[in-house]
Amino acid sequence: MKNFPTIALTLGDPAGIGPEVVARTLRDPRLPRGFRYEVLGQKSGRGIHPGKLSRTSARAALRALGEAAQGCRSGRFAAMVTSPVHKLAISRIQPGFAGQTEFLARACGLPDDAAVMVLTDPKLTVALCSNHCSLREALKKLTAKRIIYVTQIMRQFLQQRGYTKPRLAFAAVNPHMGENGLFGDEDQRIVAPACRKLRAEKIVLCHLPADTIFHYAVQKKAFDAVICAYHDQALIPFKLVAFETGVNVTLGLPIIRTSPDHGTALEIAGQGKADHRSMLAAVQLACQLARHTRKENPK
């Protein structure tokens, strides 16, 4: 096992369900072989109690996240899989903390918007043009350049996973795609030009109303991924169909990071009720991406 690549698993905030889902995942016979797994974080100790946030537990989560990021950058780890943290708890000890996605972008020396948040499951894959911010701020951040960047990143990700010609769609910002300006002009002013520029690169991005696009993506299997303008536009339909098994993957960075698509679940922490399927799926995807990277860049 000495020569096996190592996957880092962070415990997240130890007051949450991270320690439990990590332990269950490591015991699961479906855990990918051919890898070593190193757990980072503090799961017990003074000031750490299941279901109760504290500055101690927040510091433990932040330390583990930083160690995993540094290890991925140095080559110590082939990939990292992060358990959930509590954003507000960490922001109290590190002002400006918005989420693990943004933290990792900064750890790699990149701006926050270099990172692209993607949620994926066999039922649905979505990408976000903005991550953790208000809806007002998300609309300010939405530009044709951002849509093009996210679409290009998503296309590359899908090609890595075996989709030779990914079918991509964009969920319109406004009701009925703005109804020719009656309900807003973002779709005509921002999205349409992005679609035209992508078409010039031979990338087709279908632009459809958000109230029907997920029906076609999930029920009709018409698209391999949907690009969304803001957080909840993507997360609401995704969690509806893949709450227990979805995976959060961060794209656009020089490291591989995946995460289960759930939070700390403080209300059930320490009770033996946590479902580890999302963590297992996150580990499986991290290993898949690590294998692809090693194949593309053999030492």
C-alpha atoms as a PDB file:
ATOM      1  CA  MET A   1       0.000   0.000   0.000  1.00  0.00           C
ATOM      2  CA  LYS A   2       3.019   2.317   0.242  1.00  0.00           C
ATOM      3  CA  ASN A   3       2.762   3.203  -3.427  1.00  0.00           C
ATOM      4  CA  PHE A   4      -1.001   3.735  -3.394  1.00  0.00           C
ATOM      5  CA  PRO A   5      -2.157   7.356  -3.823  1.00  0.00           C
ATOM      6  CA  THR A   6      -3.578   8.869  -0.642  1.00  0.00           C
ATOM      7  CA  ILE A   7      -7.006  10.451  -0.325  1.00  0.00           C
ATOM      8  CA  ALA A   8      -7.452  12.912   2.549  1.00  0.00           C
ATOM      9  CA  LEU A   9     -10.765  12.759   4.412  1.00  0.00           C
ATOM     10  CA  THR A  10     -11.516  15.697   6.692  1.00  0.00           C
ATOM     11  CA  LEU A  11     -13.891  15.286   9.611  1.00  0.00           C
ATOM     12  CA  GLY A  12     -15.377  18.746   9.125  1.00  0.00           C
ATOM     13  CA  ASP A  13     -16.879  20.262  12.249  1.00  0.00           C
ATOM     14  CA  PRO A  14     -16.622  17.426  14.804  1.00  0.00           C
ATOM     15  CA  ALA A  15     -19.816  18.633  16.472  1.00  0.00           C
ATOM     16  CA  GLY A  16     -21.675  17.511  13.343  1.00  0.00           C
ATOM     17  CA  ILE A  17     -22.084  14.189  11.576  1.00  0.00           C
ATOM     18  CA  GLY A  18     -18.735  14.311   9.763  1.00  0.00           C
ATOM     19  CA  PRO A  19     -16.908  11.872  12.075  1.00  0.00           C
ATOM     20  CA  GLU A  20     -19.779   9.398  11.816  1.00  0.00           C
ATOM     21  CA  VAL A  21     -20.163   9.415   8.042  1.00  0.00           C
ATOM     22  CA  VAL A  22     -16.385   9.168   7.562  1.00  0.00           C
ATOM     23  CA  ALA A  23     -16.180   6.150   9.881  1.00  0.00           C
ATOM     24  CA  ARG A  24     -19.076   4.408   8.133  1.00  0.00           C
ATOM     25  CA  THR A  25     -17.612   5.131   4.704  1.00  0.00           C
ATOM     26  CA  LEU A  26     -14.257   3.627   5.618  1.00  0.00           C
ATOM     27  CA  ARG A  27     -16.022   0.432   6.725  1.00  0.00           C
ATOM     28  CA  ASP A  28     -18.147   0.201   3.584  1.00  0.00           C
ATOM     29  CA  PRO A  29     -17.124  -2.650   1.218  1.00  0.00           C
ATOM     30  CA  ARG A  30     -17.834  -0.331  -1.735  1.00  0.00           C
ATOM     31  CA  LEU A  31     -14.911   1.891  -0.746  1.00  0.00           C
ATOM     32  CA  PRO A  32     -12.568   2.095  -3.780  1.00  0.00           C
ATOM     33  CA  ARG A  33      -9.473  -0.086  -3.587  1.00  0.00           C
ATOM     34  CA  GLY A  34      -6.016   0.895  -4.711  1.00  0.00           C
ATOM     35  CA  PHE A  35      -5.913   3.962  -2.439  1.00  0.00           C
ATOM     36  CA  ARG A  36      -4.795   4.855   1.052  1.00  0.00           C
ATOM     37  CA  TYR A  37      -7.124   6.985   3.168  1.00  0.00           C
ATOM     38  CA  GLU A  38      -5.902   9.482   5.739  1.00  0.00           C
ATOM     39  CA  VAL A  39      -8.363  11.059   8.146  1.00  0.00           C
ATOM     40  CA  LEU A  40      -7.677  14.649   9.172  1.00  0.00           C
ATOM     41  CA  GLY A  41      -9.308  16.413  12.081  1.00  0.00           C
ATOM     42  CA  GLN A  42     -10.160  16.096  15.735  1.00  0.00           C
ATOM     43  CA  LYS A  43     -13.296  14.103  16.547  1.00  0.00           C
ATOM     44  CA  SER A  44     -13.245  14.337  20.333  1.00  0.00           C
ATOM     45  CA  GLY A  45     -11.675  16.239  23.180  1.00  0.00           C
ATOM     46  CA  ARG A  46     -12.323  19.097  25.535  1.00  0.00           C
ATOM     47  CA  GLY A  47     -14.761  21.597  24.056  1.00  0.00           C
ATOM     48  CA  ILE A  48     -16.081  19.177  21.417  1.00  0.00           C
ATOM     49  CA  HIS A  49     -19.553  17.733  21.920  1.00  0.00           C
ATOM     50  CA  PRO A  50     -21.919  16.218  19.315  1.00  0.00           C
ATOM     51  CA  GLY A  51     -24.623  18.660  18.316  1.00  0.00           C
ATOM     52  CA  LYS A  52     -23.040  21.661  20.064  1.00  0.00           C
ATOM     53  CA  LEU A  53     -21.055  24.201  18.086  1.00  0.00           C
ATOM     54  CA  SER A  54     -18.008  25.755  19.711  1.00  0.00           C
ATOM     55  CA  ARG A  55     -14.942  27.754  18.812  1.00  0.00           C
ATOM     56  CA  THR A  56     -12.899  24.610  19.502  1.00  0.00           C
ATOM     57  CA  SER A  57     -14.808  22.520  17.006  1.00  0.00           C
ATOM     58  CA  ALA A  58     -14.675  25.302  14.410  1.00  0.00           C
ATOM     59  CA  ARG A  59     -10.890  25.587  14.822  1.00  0.00           C
ATOM     60  CA  ALA A  60     -10.536  21.823  14.404  1.00  0.00           C
ATOM     61  CA  ALA A  61     -12.532  21.957  11.163  1.00  0.00           C
ATOM     62  CA  LEU A  62     -10.475  24.842   9.807  1.00  0.00           C
ATOM     63  CA  ARG A  63      -7.159  23.175  10.668  1.00  0.00           C
ATOM     64  CA  ALA A  64      -8.151  19.959   8.907  1.00  0.00           C
ATOM     65  CA  LEU A  65      -9.304  21.845   5.829  1.00  0.00           C
ATOM     66  CA  GLY A  66      -6.055  23.791   5.646  1.00  0.00           C
ATOM     67  CA  GLU A  67      -3.945  20.655   6.080  1.00  0.00           C
ATOM     68  CA  ALA A  68      -5.844  18.840   3.339  1.00  0.00           C
ATOM     69  CA  ALA A  69      -5.462  21.751   0.928  1.00  0.00           C
ATOM     70  CA  GLN A  70      -1.749  22.063   1.622  1.00  0.00           C
ATOM     71  CA  GLY A  71      -1.312  18.313   1.240  1.00  0.00           C
ATOM     72  CA  CYS A  72      -3.057  18.305  -2.129  1.00  0.00           C
ATOM     73  CA  ARG A  73      -0.928  21.187  -3.368  1.00  0.00           C
ATOM     74  CA  SER A  74       2.315  19.524  -2.242  1.00  0.00           C
ATOM     75  CA  GLY A  75       1.444  16.154  -3.748  1.00  0.00           C
ATOM     76  CA  ARG A  76       1.050  14.407  -0.395  1.00  0.00           C
ATOM     77  CA  PHE A  77      -2.601  13.751  -1.242  1.00  0.00           C
ATOM     78  CA  ALA A  78      -4.037  12.813  -4.624  1.00  0.00           C
ATOM     79  CA  ALA A  79      -7.403  14.308  -3.650  1.00  0.00           C
ATOM     80  CA  MET A  80      -9.375  15.564  -0.678  1.00  0.00           C
ATOM     81  CA  VAL A  81     -12.896  14.766   0.478  1.00  0.00           C
ATOM     82  CA  THR A  82     -14.302  17.238   2.971  1.00  0.00           C
ATOM     83  CA  SER A  83     -16.942  16.632   5.577  1.00  0.00           C
ATOM     84  CA  PRO A  84     -19.362  19.502   6.251  1.00  0.00           C
ATOM     85  CA  VAL A  85     -18.363  22.541   8.281  1.00  0.00           C
ATOM     86  CA  HIS A  86     -20.522  25.205   9.893  1.00  0.00           C
ATOM     87  CA  LYS A  87     -19.905  28.417   7.951  1.00  0.00           C
ATOM     88  CA  LEU A  88     -21.115  30.794  10.648  1.00  0.00           C
ATOM     89  CA  ALA A  89     -19.057  29.078  13.350  1.00  0.00           C
ATOM     90  CA  ILE A  90     -15.868  29.347  11.279  1.00  0.00           C
ATOM     91  CA  SER A  91     -16.606  32.928  10.231  1.00  0.00           C
ATOM     92  CA  ARG A  92     -16.548  33.862  13.926  1.00  0.00           C
ATOM     93  CA  ILE A  93     -12.923  32.784  14.202  1.00  0.00           C
ATOM     94  CA  GLN A  94     -11.924  33.665  10.635  1.00  0.00           C
ATOM     95  CA  PRO A  95     -13.858  36.685   9.335  1.00  0.00           C
ATOM     96  CA  GLY A  96     -14.589  36.542   5.635  1.00  0.00           C
ATOM     97  CA  PHE A  97     -15.004  32.770   5.522  1.00  0.00           C
ATOM     98  CA  ALA A  98     -17.847  32.078   3.071  1.00  0.00           C
ATOM     99  CA  GLY A  99     -17.460  28.349   2.529  1.00  0.00           C
ATOM    100  CA  GLN A 100     -15.013  25.564   1.809  1.00  0.00           C
ATOM    101  CA  THR A 101     -15.169  26.236  -1.939  1.00  0.00           C
ATOM    102  CA  GLU A 102     -13.956  29.818  -1.553  1.00  0.00           C
ATOM    103  CA  PHE A 103     -11.425  28.830   1.112  1.00  0.00           C
ATOM    104  CA  LEU A 104      -9.821  26.317  -1.259  1.00  0.00           C
ATOM    105  CA  ALA A 105      -9.614  28.842  -4.095  1.00  0.00           C
ATOM    106  CA  ARG A 106      -7.694  31.197  -1.789  1.00  0.00           C
ATOM    107  CA  ALA A 107      -5.529  28.332  -0.518  1.00  0.00           C
ATOM    108  CA  CYS A 108      -4.506  27.732  -4.131  1.00  0.00           C
ATOM    109  CA  GLY A 109      -3.637  31.414  -4.568  1.00  0.00           C
ATOM    110  CA  LEU A 110      -6.633  32.069  -6.785  1.00  0.00           C
ATOM    111  CA  PRO A 111      -9.624  34.427  -6.549  1.00  0.00           C
ATOM    112  CA  ASP A 112     -12.873  33.064  -5.174  1.00  0.00           C
ATOM    113  CA  ASP A 113     -14.539  32.973  -8.586  1.00  0.00           C
ATOM    114  CA  ALA A 114     -11.857  30.655 -10.014  1.00  0.00           C
ATOM    115  CA  ALA A 115     -13.668  27.852  -8.206  1.00  0.00           C
ATOM    116  CA  VAL A 116     -16.812  26.420  -9.756  1.00  0.00           C
ATOM    117  CA  MET A 117     -19.263  24.587  -7.526  1.00  0.00           C
ATOM    118  CA  VAL A 118     -20.774  21.532  -9.179  1.00  0.00           C
ATOM    119  CA  LEU A 119     -23.285  19.090  -7.730  1.00  0.00           C
ATOM    120  CA  THR A 120     -23.444  15.727  -9.411  1.00  0.00           C
ATOM    121  CA  ASP A 121     -25.418  12.490  -9.231  1.00  0.00           C
ATOM    122  CA  PRO A 122     -26.531   9.967 -11.872  1.00  0.00           C
ATOM    123  CA  LYS A 123     -29.943  11.691 -11.832  1.00  0.00           C
ATOM    124  CA  LEU A 124     -28.753  15.288 -12.321  1.00  0.00           C
ATOM    125  CA  THR A 125     -25.612  17.423 -12.586  1.00  0.00           C
ATOM    126  CA  VAL A 126     -25.678  21.177 -12.020  1.00  0.00           C
ATOM    127  CA  ALA A 127     -23.052  23.938 -12.032  1.00  0.00           C
ATOM    128  CA  LEU A 128     -23.342  27.309 -10.302  1.00  0.00           C
ATOM    129  CA  CYS A 129     -22.294  30.668 -11.719  1.00  0.00           C
ATOM    130  CA  SER A 130     -22.189  32.046  -8.151  1.00  0.00           C
ATOM    131  CA  ASN A 131     -21.814  30.272  -4.842  1.00  0.00           C
ATOM    132  CA  HIS A 132     -22.474  31.615  -1.364  1.00  0.00           C
ATOM    133  CA  CYS A 133     -23.885  35.110  -1.644  1.00  0.00           C
ATOM    134  CA  SER A 134     -27.220  36.899  -1.636  1.00  0.00           C
ATOM    135  CA  LEU A 135     -29.471  36.707  -4.676  1.00  0.00           C
ATOM    136  CA  ARG A 136     -28.918  40.421  -5.293  1.00  0.00           C
ATOM    137  CA  GLU A 137     -25.145  39.899  -5.292  1.00  0.00           C
ATOM    138  CA  ALA A 138     -25.461  36.796  -7.480  1.00  0.00           C
ATOM    139  CA  LEU A 139     -27.242  38.772 -10.196  1.00  0.00           C
ATOM    140  CA  LYS A 140     -24.542  41.444 -10.043  1.00  0.00           C
ATOM    141  CA  LYS A 141     -21.899  38.768 -10.554  1.00  0.00           C
ATOM    142  CA  LEU A 142     -23.656  37.152 -13.511  1.00  0.00           C
ATOM    143  CA  THR A 143     -21.834  38.062 -16.724  1.00  0.00           C
ATOM    144  CA  ALA A 144     -21.440  36.504 -20.143  1.00  0.00           C
ATOM    145  CA  LYS A 145     -17.778  35.883 -19.291  1.00  0.00           C
ATOM    146  CA  ARG A 146     -18.745  33.950 -16.151  1.00  0.00           C
ATOM    147  CA  ILE A 147     -21.293  31.825 -17.991  1.00  0.00           C
ATOM    148  CA  ILE A 148     -18.715  30.967 -20.648  1.00  0.00           C
ATOM    149  CA  TYR A 149     -16.102  30.060 -18.022  1.00  0.00           C
ATOM    150  CA  VAL A 150     -18.445  27.811 -16.038  1.00  0.00           C
ATOM    151  CA  THR A 151     -19.715  26.123 -19.200  1.00  0.00           C
ATOM    152  CA  GLN A 152     -16.176  25.404 -20.407  1.00  0.00           C
ATOM    153  CA  ILE A 153     -15.201  23.981 -17.018  1.00  0.00           C
ATOM    154  CA  MET A 154     -18.316  21.821 -16.892  1.00  0.00           C
ATOM    155  CA  ARG A 155     -17.762  20.513 -20.409  1.00  0.00           C
ATOM    156  CA  GLN A 156     -14.215  19.490 -19.529  1.00  0.00           C
ATOM    157  CA  PHE A 157     -15.412  17.748 -16.350  1.00  0.00           C
ATOM    158  CA  LEU A 158     -18.022  15.751 -18.230  1.00  0.00           C
ATOM    159  CA  GLN A 159     -15.513  14.762 -20.896  1.00  0.00           C
ATOM    160  CA  GLN A 160     -13.221  13.450 -18.155  1.00  0.00           C
ATOM    161  CA  ARG A 161     -16.110  11.269 -17.032  1.00  0.00           C
ATOM    162  CA  GLY A 162     -16.666   9.778 -20.460  1.00  0.00           C
ATOM    163  CA  TYR A 163     -19.165  12.143 -22.119  1.00  0.00           C
ATOM    164  CA  THR A 164     -17.636  12.725 -25.550  1.00  0.00           C
ATOM    165  CA  LYS A 165     -20.184  15.371 -26.562  1.00  0.00           C
ATOM    166  CA  PRO A 166     -21.743  16.781 -23.379  1.00  0.00           C
ATOM    167  CA  ARG A 167     -25.263  18.161 -23.744  1.00  0.00           C
ATOM    168  CA  LEU A 168     -25.404  21.398 -21.778  1.00  0.00           C
ATOM    169  CA  ALA A 169     -28.227  23.764 -20.896  1.00  0.00           C
ATOM    170  CA  PHE A 170     -28.599  27.059 -19.043  1.00  0.00           C
ATOM    171  CA  ALA A 171     -31.505  27.701 -16.669  1.00  0.00           C
ATOM    172  CA  ALA A 172     -32.959  31.106 -17.542  1.00  0.00           C
ATOM    173  CA  VAL A 173     -32.584  33.814 -14.903  1.00  0.00           C
ATOM    174  CA  ASN A 174     -36.115  35.239 -15.153  1.00  0.00           C
ATOM    175  CA  PRO A 175     -39.616  33.729 -15.508  1.00  0.00           C
ATOM    176  CA  HIS A 176     -40.282  32.713 -19.120  1.00  0.00           C
ATOM    177  CA  MET A 177     -36.720  33.827 -19.962  1.00  0.00           C
ATOM    178  CA  GLY A 178     -37.808  37.409 -19.282  1.00  0.00           C
ATOM    179  CA  GLU A 179     -40.706  37.415 -21.751  1.00  0.00           C
ATOM    180  CA  ASN A 180     -38.799  39.731 -24.120  1.00  0.00           C
ATOM    181  CA  GLY A 181     -37.903  42.138 -21.331  1.00  0.00           C
ATOM    182  CA  LEU A 182     -41.255  42.168 -19.559  1.00  0.00           C
ATOM    183  CA  PHE A 183     -39.815  40.322 -16.534  1.00  0.00           C
ATOM    184  CA  GLY A 184     -36.191  41.436 -16.742  1.00  0.00           C
ATOM    185  CA  ASP A 185     -33.548  41.682 -19.419  1.00  0.00           C
ATOM    186  CA  GLU A 186     -30.730  39.479 -18.053  1.00  0.00           C
ATOM    187  CA  ASP A 187     -31.520  36.570 -20.352  1.00  0.00           C
ATOM    188  CA  GLN A 188     -31.359  38.709 -23.481  1.00  0.00           C
ATOM    189  CA  ARG A 189     -28.571  41.015 -22.296  1.00  0.00           C
ATOM    190  CA  ILE A 190     -26.231  38.485 -20.632  1.00  0.00           C
ATOM    191  CA  VAL A 191     -27.145  34.870 -21.355  1.00  0.00           C
ATOM    192  CA  ALA A 192     -27.909  35.073 -25.072  1.00  0.00           C
ATOM    193  CA  PRO A 193     -24.536  36.680 -25.968  1.00  0.00           C
ATOM    194  CA  ALA A 194     -22.743  33.999 -23.911  1.00  0.00           C
ATOM    195  CA  CYS A 195     -24.551  31.273 -25.845  1.00  0.00           C
ATOM    196  CA  ARG A 196     -23.519  32.881 -29.138  1.00  0.00           C
ATOM    197  CA  LYS A 197     -19.863  33.114 -28.112  1.00  0.00           C
ATOM    198  CA  LEU A 198     -19.864  29.493 -26.969  1.00  0.00           C
ATOM    199  CA  ARG A 199     -21.418  28.442 -30.265  1.00  0.00           C
ATOM    200  CA  ALA A 200     -18.469  30.049 -32.042  1.00  0.00           C
ATOM    201  CA  GLU A 201     -16.283  27.650 -30.013  1.00  0.00           C
ATOM    202  CA  LYS A 202     -18.506  24.768 -31.136  1.00  0.00           C
ATOM    203  CA  ILE A 203     -20.029  24.433 -27.663  1.00  0.00           C
ATOM    204  CA  VAL A 204     -23.812  24.305 -27.667  1.00  0.00           C
ATOM    205  CA  LEU A 205     -25.493  25.751 -24.565  1.00  0.00           C
ATOM    206  CA  CYS A 206     -29.278  25.506 -24.754  1.00  0.00           C
ATOM    207  CA  HIS A 207     -31.055  28.390 -23.031  1.00  0.00           C
ATOM    208  CA  LEU A 208     -34.395  27.299 -21.543  1.00  0.00           C
ATOM    209  CA  PRO A 209     -36.889  28.502 -18.904  1.00  0.00           C
ATOM    210  CA  ALA A 210     -35.914  27.374 -15.428  1.00  0.00           C
ATOM    211  CA  ASP A 211     -39.431  26.124 -14.681  1.00  0.00           C
ATOM    212  CA  THR A 212     -39.136  23.363 -17.307  1.00  0.00           C
ATOM    213  CA  ILE A 213     -35.427  22.723 -17.800  1.00  0.00           C
ATOM    214  CA  PHE A 214     -35.083  20.314 -14.884  1.00  0.00           C
ATOM    215  CA  HIS A 215     -38.029  18.257 -16.112  1.00  0.00           C
ATOM    216  CA  TYR A 216     -36.174  17.727 -19.380  1.00  0.00           C
ATOM    217  CA  ALA A 217     -32.857  17.072 -17.627  1.00  0.00           C
ATOM    218  CA  VAL A 218     -34.171  14.596 -15.050  1.00  0.00           C
ATOM    219  CA  GLN A 219     -37.256  13.010 -16.578  1.00  0.00           C
ATOM    220  CA  LYS A 220     -36.336  13.092 -20.258  1.00  0.00           C
ATOM    221  CA  LYS A 221     -32.536  12.787 -19.880  1.00  0.00           C
ATOM    222  CA  ALA A 222     -32.214  15.515 -22.510  1.00  0.00           C
ATOM    223  CA  PHE A 223     -29.157  17.151 -20.907  1.00  0.00           C
ATOM    224  CA  ASP A 224     -26.029  15.925 -19.161  1.00  0.00           C
ATOM    225  CA  ALA A 225     -25.721  19.064 -17.030  1.00  0.00           C
ATOM    226  CA  VAL A 226     -27.547  22.304 -16.289  1.00  0.00           C
ATOM    227  CA  ILE A 227     -25.705  25.590 -15.701  1.00  0.00           C
ATOM    228  CA  CYS A 228     -27.495  27.754 -13.138  1.00  0.00           C
ATOM    229  CA  ALA A 229     -27.278  31.465 -12.415  1.00  0.00           C
ATOM    230  CA  TYR A 230     -27.312  31.219  -8.621  1.00  0.00           C
ATOM    231  CA  HIS A 231     -27.130  28.835  -5.672  1.00  0.00           C
ATOM    232  CA  ASP A 232     -30.731  27.879  -4.919  1.00  0.00           C
ATOM    233  CA  GLN A 233     -31.725  27.701  -8.573  1.00  0.00           C
ATOM    234  CA  ALA A 234     -29.401  24.685  -8.718  1.00  0.00           C
ATOM    235  CA  LEU A 235     -29.611  23.268  -5.202  1.00  0.00           C
ATOM    236  CA  ILE A 236     -33.396  23.067  -4.855  1.00  0.00           C
ATOM    237  CA  PRO A 237     -33.972  20.687  -7.794  1.00  0.00           C
ATOM    238  CA  PHE A 238     -30.729  18.834  -7.116  1.00  0.00           C
ATOM    239  CA  LYS A 239     -31.521  18.058  -3.496  1.00  0.00           C
ATOM    240  CA  LEU A 240     -35.044  17.084  -4.459  1.00  0.00           C
ATOM    241  CA  VAL A 241     -33.728  14.203  -6.577  1.00  0.00           C
ATOM    242  CA  ALA A 242     -30.356  13.408  -4.957  1.00  0.00           C
ATOM    243  CA  PHE A 243     -30.443  14.462  -1.318  1.00  0.00           C
ATOM    244  CA  GLU A 244     -28.889  11.236   0.028  1.00  0.00           C
ATOM    245  CA  THR A 245     -26.428  10.498  -2.763  1.00  0.00           C
ATOM    246  CA  GLY A 246     -25.349  13.788  -4.350  1.00  0.00           C
ATOM    247  CA  VAL A 247     -21.742  14.947  -4.437  1.00  0.00           C
ATOM    248  CA  ASN A 248     -20.322  18.466  -4.351  1.00  0.00           C
ATOM    249  CA  VAL A 249     -17.174  18.773  -6.472  1.00  0.00           C
ATOM    250  CA  THR A 250     -15.031  21.903  -6.810  1.00  0.00           C
ATOM    251  CA  LEU A 251     -13.758  22.552 -10.336  1.00  0.00           C
ATOM    252  CA  GLY A 252     -11.371  25.175 -11.682  1.00  0.00           C
ATOM    253  CA  LEU A 253      -8.614  24.521  -9.116  1.00  0.00           C
ATOM    254  CA  PRO A 254      -5.310  22.637  -9.437  1.00  0.00           C
ATOM    255  CA  ILE A 255      -6.466  20.154  -6.782  1.00  0.00           C
ATOM    256  CA  ILE A 256      -9.256  17.577  -6.570  1.00  0.00           C
ATOM    257  CA  ARG A 257     -11.903  18.203  -3.931  1.00  0.00           C
ATOM    258  CA  THR A 258     -15.240  16.524  -3.407  1.00  0.00           C
ATOM    259  CA  SER A 259     -17.706  16.634  -0.550  1.00  0.00           C
ATOM    260  CA  PRO A 260     -21.027  15.110   0.479  1.00  0.00           C
ATOM    261  CA  ASP A 261     -23.994  17.287  -0.399  1.00  0.00           C
ATOM    262  CA  HIS A 262     -25.305  17.873   3.104  1.00  0.00           C
ATOM    263  CA  GLY A 263     -24.559  19.983   6.120  1.00  0.00           C
ATOM    264  CA  THR A 264     -23.412  19.290   9.664  1.00  0.00           C
ATOM    265  CA  ALA A 265     -26.868  17.979  10.710  1.00  0.00           C
ATOM    266  CA  LEU A 266     -26.278  18.981  14.317  1.00  0.00           C
ATOM    267  CA  GLU A 267     -29.746  17.774  15.295  1.00  0.00           C
ATOM    268  CA  ILE A 268     -28.768  14.106  14.740  1.00  0.00           C
ATOM    269  CA  ALA A 269     -25.036  14.245  15.479  1.00  0.00           C
ATOM    270  CA  GLY A 270     -23.848  11.477  17.785  1.00  0.00           C
ATOM    271  CA  GLN A 271     -27.096   9.532  17.526  1.00  0.00           C
ATOM    272  CA  GLY A 272     -26.017   6.925  14.969  1.00  0.00           C
ATOM    273  CA  LYS A 273     -28.638   8.105  12.457  1.00  0.00           C
ATOM    274  CA  ALA A 274     -26.439   9.742   9.810  1.00  0.00           C
ATOM    275  CA  ASP A 275     -26.656   8.418   6.249  1.00  0.00           C
ATOM    276  CA  HIS A 276     -23.149   8.016   4.785  1.00  0.00           C
ATOM    277  CA  ARG A 277     -24.134   7.394   1.153  1.00  0.00           C
ATOM    278  CA  SER A 278     -23.285  10.928   0.017  1.00  0.00           C
ATOM    279  CA  MET A 279     -19.842  10.702   1.650  1.00  0.00           C
ATOM    280  CA  LEU A 280     -19.221   7.333   0.005  1.00  0.00           C
ATOM    281  CA  ALA A 281     -20.219   8.758  -3.379  1.00  0.00           C
ATOM    282  CA  ALA A 282     -17.876  11.723  -2.770  1.00  0.00           C
ATOM    283  CA  VAL A 283     -14.973   9.375  -2.047  1.00  0.00           C
ATOM    284  CA  GLN A 284     -15.757   7.280  -5.114  1.00  0.00           C
ATOM    285  CA  LEU A 285     -15.773  10.369  -7.352  1.00  0.00           C
ATOM    286  CA  ALA A 286     -12.539  11.696  -5.823  1.00  0.00           C
ATOM    287  CA  CYS A 287     -10.853   8.373  -6.569  1.00  0.00           C
ATOM    288  CA  GLN A 288     -12.207   8.357 -10.117  1.00  0.00           C
ATOM    289  CA  LEU A 289     -10.858  11.856 -10.755  1.00  0.00           C
ATOM    290  CA  ALA A 290      -7.527  10.986  -9.124  1.00  0.00           C
ATOM    291  CA  ARG A 291      -7.160   7.960 -11.397  1.00  0.00           C
ATOM    292  CA  HIS A 292      -7.902  10.115 -14.434  1.00  0.00           C
ATOM    293  CA  THR A 293      -5.315  12.685 -13.348  1.00  0.00           C
ATOM    294  CA  ARG A 294      -2.641  10.013 -12.821  1.00  0.00           C
ATOM    295  CA  LYS A 295      -3.433   8.530 -16.211  1.00  0.00           C
ATOM    296  CA  GLU A 296      -3.181  11.918 -17.907  1.00  0.00           C
ATOM    297  CA  ASN A 297      -0.051  12.939 -15.975  1.00  0.00           C
ATOM    298  CA  PRO A 298       1.985   9.801 -15.231  1.00  0.00           C
ATOM    299  CA  LYS A 299       5.138  10.340 -13.202  1.00  0.00           C
END
